[in-house]
């Protein structure tokens, strides 16, 4: 598995993996997300992701949305707490068509007032829809508990009142501060020669002046465990527990990824799924998640269940956590866990789109990308003592926070 990298004179980085498919995937990932907003700007990064497609100095909305779709391509974008990505999948012969559109969107968007008003209503509708899904909203509310009064704890969508306050000048000011060349990566997986890709990047992005981040991110500190119960008009109880966790550069990050996979990862044989769903039948969905950020992280466990089963389910979760904190894992059990995680990673690499997005994010954060063999080596290097250390650091029952939505 070979990745090719290059840096333009203005600081924009390029990473490419050659492919043999008839379909290519290419995008630009920008190191700017909701954590880069001020309190008055909450929701702005996501708002820009919507409005950036609504007209440029060369194209109207219809022409932007049709440019790749007319040749069977798929145009998309997303916003996270730390980055924004605009990308497309298309037939291999349309690379230049995509570069022309991608650069136009990133460089020449004009953010018409009528489109800003229209997208404000659309995102408010998205917020209202999201509020009707407690199994989704509880994740953001739990983030707010863990990252108390810190930008990482803010909802990406923002609030209706703040959305209505955004103007073109607000958008352009945020872009000027955060859409800088030193924090941009063009990522590609597809059947194109790397020198050709570089020439396209030079042609369409090379004229951008070099720029670097104007505002420094403030790292989160002072985590304090909190427990909270909220009455809601739900049929089920929705519950979360977890803690502040390792950042993306922590030496025990891989150990925590493996630990999370063992505890409540996507495998049907995770400990929480086997005990709480399969053995006791207390809930349909129980899962754990570990999300590292550039300077912080969060590990959380979510489940939805009948109100009468909340305490019993919590008790069983604590029991499984204690097992991980107190008992060193046997060599055979650890070997199986490593094989499972390595297999899941390998399967994820089978999706060229997923890989394109992953290598772009990795290049943005670390200025390098681990291939599958290197990732597997990191997983293999995890020892029982490293798992115990990670468990006691992050899953100490005395330092866990909890949030419960209980039916009225």
Foldseek 3Di string as FASTA:
>chain_A
DDKDWDAFPLQAIEIEDEDDDQKKKKKKKFFDAQLLDDLLCAQVRVLLQQQLLADFPVDHNVCLCVQQVVQVKDWDWDGDRTMIMTMMMHGPVCPLSVLQSRLRSLPTRQRDPVVLVVVLVVLQVVVVVQVVPCLRVVVLVVLCQQQPPHSSSGDNNGHSVSSVVDDSVNNVVSCVQTVFNNLMYMFMYYNDDPVVVVVSCCVRPVPDHRDDHPDDRDAGDDGFAAEEEAADADQKKKKKKWHKAAAPPDLLPLLVVLLQCQQFDPDCNRPLNCVCCVPPNFFDDKGWDWAHHLRIIMIMIITIGHPVCVVVSVVVSVVVLVCQQPPQDDPVVLVVSLVVVLVVVVVLVVDRNSVRVVQRVCCSRPVDDDDSVRSSVSSVPDGSVSSNVRSCVIVVVVRMYMYMHDYD
